[in-house]
Amino acid sequence: MTNSNDTLNREVKNTFRGKSIICSKEAREYLSISESQLDNLCHNQVLRYSRPSTANSKGEIVAGRKRYFKVDDLDKWLSSNYIEAI
């Protein structure tokens, strides 16, 4: 049986300010990088993100303009670039 502290720890893990999915601005802040760096990482398919579709003024479904990131994916990317100290 888990106690309430274990549950709380699981909810806090892989979050940024209590959220598990964050926008581009928050992702830049979380990674401490510039907007152009984030754009390059996304363009080169280094970082995974979601761009939910939306309807335009004509009612057509088009790709949205905003990108959203899972904090867990950002953590995995940061960990993949980890260099061990000698």
N, C-alpha and C. Protein backbone atom coordinates (compact mmCIF):
# COMPACT_ATOMS: atom_id res chain seq x y z
N MET A 1 0.83 -1.17 0.00
CA MET A 1 0.00 0.00 0.00
C MET A 1 0.89 1.24 0.00
N THR A 2 0.53 2.25 -0.80
CA THR A 2 1.33 3.47 -0.85
C THR A 2 0.76 4.49 0.11
N ASN A 3 1.64 5.28 0.65
CA ASN A 3 1.17 6.34 1.52
C ASN A 3 0.98 7.63 0.72
N SER A 4 0.42 8.63 1.31
CA SER A 4 0.10 9.86 0.59
C SER A 4 1.35 10.58 0.11
N ASN A 5 2.49 10.44 0.80
CA ASN A 5 3.73 11.08 0.36
C ASN A 5 4.23 10.49 -0.94
N ASP A 6 4.12 9.16 -1.13
CA ASP A 6 4.51 8.53 -2.38
C ASP A 6 3.66 9.05 -3.53
N THR A 7 2.40 9.19 -3.31
CA THR A 7 1.50 9.69 -4.35
C THR A 7 1.87 11.12 -4.71
N LEU A 8 2.15 11.94 -3.73
CA LEU A 8 2.52 13.32 -3.98
C LEU A 8 3.81 13.39 -4.78
N ASN A 9 4.80 12.56 -4.45
CA ASN A 9 6.06 12.56 -5.18
C ASN A 9 5.87 12.17 -6.63
N ARG A 10 5.00 11.21 -6.91
CA ARG A 10 4.75 10.81 -8.30
C ARG A 10 4.08 11.93 -9.07
N GLU A 11 3.21 12.68 -8.44
CA GLU A 11 2.52 13.77 -9.13
C GLU A 11 3.47 14.92 -9.45
N VAL A 12 4.46 15.14 -8.60
CA VAL A 12 5.38 16.25 -8.80
C VAL A 12 6.45 15.90 -9.83
N LYS A 13 6.85 14.65 -9.92
CA LYS A 13 7.88 14.22 -10.86
C LYS A 13 7.43 14.49 -12.29
N ASN A 14 8.38 14.90 -13.14
CA ASN A 14 8.12 15.18 -14.55
C ASN A 14 7.11 16.30 -14.76
N THR A 15 7.17 17.30 -13.91
CA THR A 15 6.31 18.47 -14.09
C THR A 15 7.14 19.74 -14.02
N PHE A 16 6.61 20.81 -14.55
CA PHE A 16 7.19 22.14 -14.46
C PHE A 16 6.08 23.05 -13.99
N ARG A 17 6.24 23.60 -12.80
CA ARG A 17 5.20 24.41 -12.18
C ARG A 17 3.88 23.67 -12.09
N GLY A 18 3.97 22.38 -11.81
CA GLY A 18 2.78 21.57 -11.61
C GLY A 18 2.13 21.06 -12.89
N LYS A 19 2.73 21.34 -14.05
CA LYS A 19 2.15 20.90 -15.32
C LYS A 19 3.06 19.88 -16.00
N SER A 20 2.47 18.87 -16.61
CA SER A 20 3.26 17.87 -17.32
C SER A 20 3.39 18.20 -18.81
N ILE A 21 2.54 19.09 -19.31
CA ILE A 21 2.61 19.55 -20.70
C ILE A 21 2.71 21.07 -20.66
N ILE A 22 3.73 21.61 -21.35
CA ILE A 22 3.99 23.04 -21.28
C ILE A 22 4.11 23.65 -22.68
N CYS A 23 3.93 24.95 -22.77
CA CYS A 23 4.01 25.67 -24.05
C CYS A 23 5.48 25.98 -24.37
N SER A 24 5.70 26.58 -25.53
CA SER A 24 7.06 26.90 -25.98
C SER A 24 7.78 27.84 -25.02
N LYS A 25 7.09 28.86 -24.56
CA LYS A 25 7.71 29.83 -23.65
C LYS A 25 8.20 29.14 -22.38
N GLU A 26 7.37 28.27 -21.83
CA GLU A 26 7.76 27.54 -20.63
C GLU A 26 8.89 26.55 -20.92
N ALA A 27 8.86 25.94 -22.10
CA ALA A 27 9.92 25.00 -22.48
C ALA A 27 11.26 25.72 -22.60
N ARG A 28 11.24 26.92 -23.18
CA ARG A 28 12.48 27.71 -23.28
C ARG A 28 13.00 28.04 -21.88
N GLU A 29 12.11 28.41 -21.00
CA GLU A 29 12.50 28.72 -19.63
C GLU A 29 13.03 27.47 -18.93
N TYR A 30 12.36 26.36 -19.10
CA TYR A 30 12.76 25.10 -18.47
C TYR A 30 14.14 24.66 -18.94
N LEU A 31 14.41 24.82 -20.25
CA LEU A 31 15.69 24.39 -20.82
C LEU A 31 16.76 25.48 -20.77
N SER A 32 16.36 26.71 -20.43
CA SER A 32 17.27 27.87 -20.42
C SER A 32 17.90 28.09 -21.78
N ILE A 33 17.06 28.12 -22.82
CA ILE A 33 17.54 28.36 -24.17
C ILE A 33 16.72 29.47 -24.82
N SER A 34 17.21 29.99 -25.93
CA SER A 34 16.52 31.06 -26.64
C SER A 34 15.42 30.50 -27.55
N GLU A 35 14.61 31.40 -28.06
CA GLU A 35 13.54 31.00 -28.97
C GLU A 35 14.11 30.37 -30.23
N SER A 36 15.18 30.95 -30.77
CA SER A 36 15.77 30.40 -32.00
C SER A 36 16.38 29.01 -31.75
N GLN A 37 16.96 28.81 -30.57
CA GLN A 37 17.49 27.48 -30.26
C GLN A 37 16.38 26.45 -30.19
N LEU A 38 15.26 26.81 -29.57
CA LEU A 38 14.13 25.89 -29.49
C LEU A 38 13.58 25.61 -30.89
N ASP A 39 13.47 26.65 -31.71
CA ASP A 39 13.01 26.47 -33.09
C ASP A 39 13.92 25.51 -33.85
N ASN A 40 15.23 25.65 -33.69
CA ASN A 40 16.17 24.76 -34.37
C ASN A 40 16.04 23.32 -33.89
N LEU A 41 15.89 23.14 -32.59
CA LEU A 41 15.73 21.78 -32.06
C LEU A 41 14.46 21.12 -32.58
N CYS A 42 13.39 21.91 -32.71
CA CYS A 42 12.13 21.38 -33.23
C CYS A 42 12.24 21.11 -34.73
N HIS A 43 12.81 22.06 -35.46
CA HIS A 43 12.96 21.93 -36.92
C HIS A 43 13.79 20.70 -37.28
N ASN A 44 14.84 20.45 -36.52
CA ASN A 44 15.72 19.31 -36.77
C ASN A 44 15.22 18.02 -36.12
N GLN A 45 14.02 18.05 -35.58
CA GLN A 45 13.35 16.90 -34.97
C GLN A 45 14.16 16.29 -33.84
N VAL A 46 14.83 17.15 -33.09
CA VAL A 46 15.58 16.71 -31.92
C VAL A 46 14.64 16.60 -30.73
N LEU A 47 13.72 17.56 -30.61
CA LEU A 47 12.74 17.56 -29.54
C LEU A 47 11.37 17.17 -30.07
N ARG A 48 10.68 16.36 -29.31
CA ARG A 48 9.31 15.98 -29.67
C ARG A 48 8.36 17.06 -29.16
N TYR A 49 7.35 17.35 -29.94
CA TYR A 49 6.34 18.33 -29.54
C TYR A 49 5.02 18.02 -30.22
N SER A 50 4.00 18.66 -29.75
CA SER A 50 2.67 18.51 -30.32
C SER A 50 2.22 19.87 -30.85
N ARG A 51 1.57 19.86 -31.98
CA ARG A 51 1.01 21.08 -32.56
C ARG A 51 -0.44 20.76 -32.91
N PRO A 52 -1.34 20.93 -31.92
CA PRO A 52 -2.75 20.57 -32.14
C PRO A 52 -3.36 21.34 -33.30
N SER A 53 -4.20 20.65 -34.05
CA SER A 53 -4.87 21.28 -35.19
C SER A 53 -6.00 22.18 -34.70
N THR A 54 -6.36 23.11 -35.56
CA THR A 54 -7.41 24.08 -35.25
C THR A 54 -8.16 24.41 -36.53
N ALA A 55 -9.24 25.11 -36.43
CA ALA A 55 -10.01 25.52 -37.61
C ALA A 55 -9.65 26.96 -37.97
N ASN A 56 -9.45 27.22 -39.27
CA ASN A 56 -9.18 28.59 -39.70
C ASN A 56 -10.49 29.33 -39.92
N SER A 57 -10.41 30.54 -40.44
CA SER A 57 -11.61 31.37 -40.62
C SER A 57 -12.60 30.77 -41.62
N LYS A 58 -12.11 29.90 -42.51
CA LYS A 58 -12.98 29.24 -43.49
C LYS A 58 -13.56 27.93 -42.96
N GLY A 59 -13.19 27.57 -41.74
CA GLY A 59 -13.67 26.33 -41.15
C GLY A 59 -12.84 25.12 -41.51
N GLU A 60 -11.72 25.33 -42.20
CA GLU A 60 -10.84 24.22 -42.59
C GLU A 60 -9.93 23.86 -41.42
N ILE A 61 -9.65 22.58 -41.28
CA ILE A 61 -8.76 22.12 -40.22
C ILE A 61 -7.32 22.30 -40.69
N VAL A 62 -6.54 23.04 -39.92
CA VAL A 62 -5.14 23.31 -40.25
C VAL A 62 -4.28 23.07 -39.01
N ALA A 63 -2.98 22.93 -39.25
CA ALA A 63 -2.05 22.77 -38.12
C ALA A 63 -2.05 24.03 -37.28
N GLY A 64 -2.06 23.86 -35.98
CA GLY A 64 -2.02 25.00 -35.08
C GLY A 64 -0.67 25.68 -35.09
N ARG A 65 -0.60 26.86 -34.52
CA ARG A 65 0.64 27.61 -34.49
C ARG A 65 1.44 27.36 -33.22
N LYS A 66 0.77 26.94 -32.16
CA LYS A 66 1.45 26.75 -30.88
C LYS A 66 2.00 25.34 -30.75
N ARG A 67 3.17 25.25 -30.10
CA ARG A 67 3.78 23.96 -29.83
C ARG A 67 3.67 23.67 -28.35
N TYR A 68 3.46 22.41 -28.02
CA TYR A 68 3.39 21.97 -26.64
C TYR A 68 4.36 20.81 -26.45
N PHE A 69 4.97 20.76 -25.27
CA PHE A 69 6.00 19.78 -24.98
C PHE A 69 5.67 19.03 -23.69
N LYS A 70 5.99 17.74 -23.66
CA LYS A 70 5.89 16.98 -22.42
C LYS A 70 7.17 17.21 -21.64
N VAL A 71 7.03 17.54 -20.38
CA VAL A 71 8.19 17.77 -19.53
C VAL A 71 9.07 16.52 -19.49
N ASP A 72 8.46 15.37 -19.50
CA ASP A 72 9.19 14.11 -19.50
C ASP A 72 10.10 14.00 -20.73
N ASP A 73 9.62 14.43 -21.91
CA ASP A 73 10.44 14.40 -23.12
C ASP A 73 11.61 15.37 -23.02
N LEU A 74 11.38 16.53 -22.43
CA LEU A 74 12.47 17.50 -22.25
C LEU A 74 13.51 16.95 -21.30
N ASP A 75 13.07 16.28 -20.24
CA ASP A 75 14.00 15.65 -19.30
C ASP A 75 14.83 14.56 -19.99
N LYS A 76 14.19 13.76 -20.82
CA LYS A 76 14.90 12.70 -21.54
C LYS A 76 15.96 13.30 -22.46
N TRP A 77 15.62 14.39 -23.14
CA TRP A 77 16.59 15.03 -24.02
C TRP A 77 17.76 15.58 -23.21
N LEU A 78 17.47 16.24 -22.10
CA LEU A 78 18.55 16.76 -21.25
C LEU A 78 19.44 15.63 -20.76
N SER A 79 18.85 14.52 -20.36
CA SER A 79 19.62 13.39 -19.85
C SER A 79 20.45 12.72 -20.95
N SER A 80 19.97 12.75 -22.17
CA SER A 80 20.71 12.12 -23.27
C SER A 80 21.98 12.88 -23.60
N ASN A 81 22.08 14.12 -23.18
CA ASN A 81 23.26 14.94 -23.45
C ASN A 81 24.17 15.07 -22.22
N TYR A 82 23.96 14.19 -21.27
CA TYR A 82 24.70 14.22 -20.01
C TYR A 82 26.12 13.70 -20.24
N ILE A 83 27.10 14.45 -19.74
CA ILE A 83 28.49 14.05 -19.87
C ILE A 83 29.03 13.73 -18.47
N GLU A 84 29.57 12.55 -18.32
CA GLU A 84 30.10 12.12 -17.03
C GLU A 84 31.39 12.88 -16.71
N ALA A 85 31.55 13.22 -15.45
CA ALA A 85 32.78 13.86 -15.00
C ALA A 85 33.89 12.83 -14.89
N ILE A 86 35.08 13.26 -15.10
CA ILE A 86 36.24 12.34 -15.04
C ILE A 86 36.67 12.15 -13.61
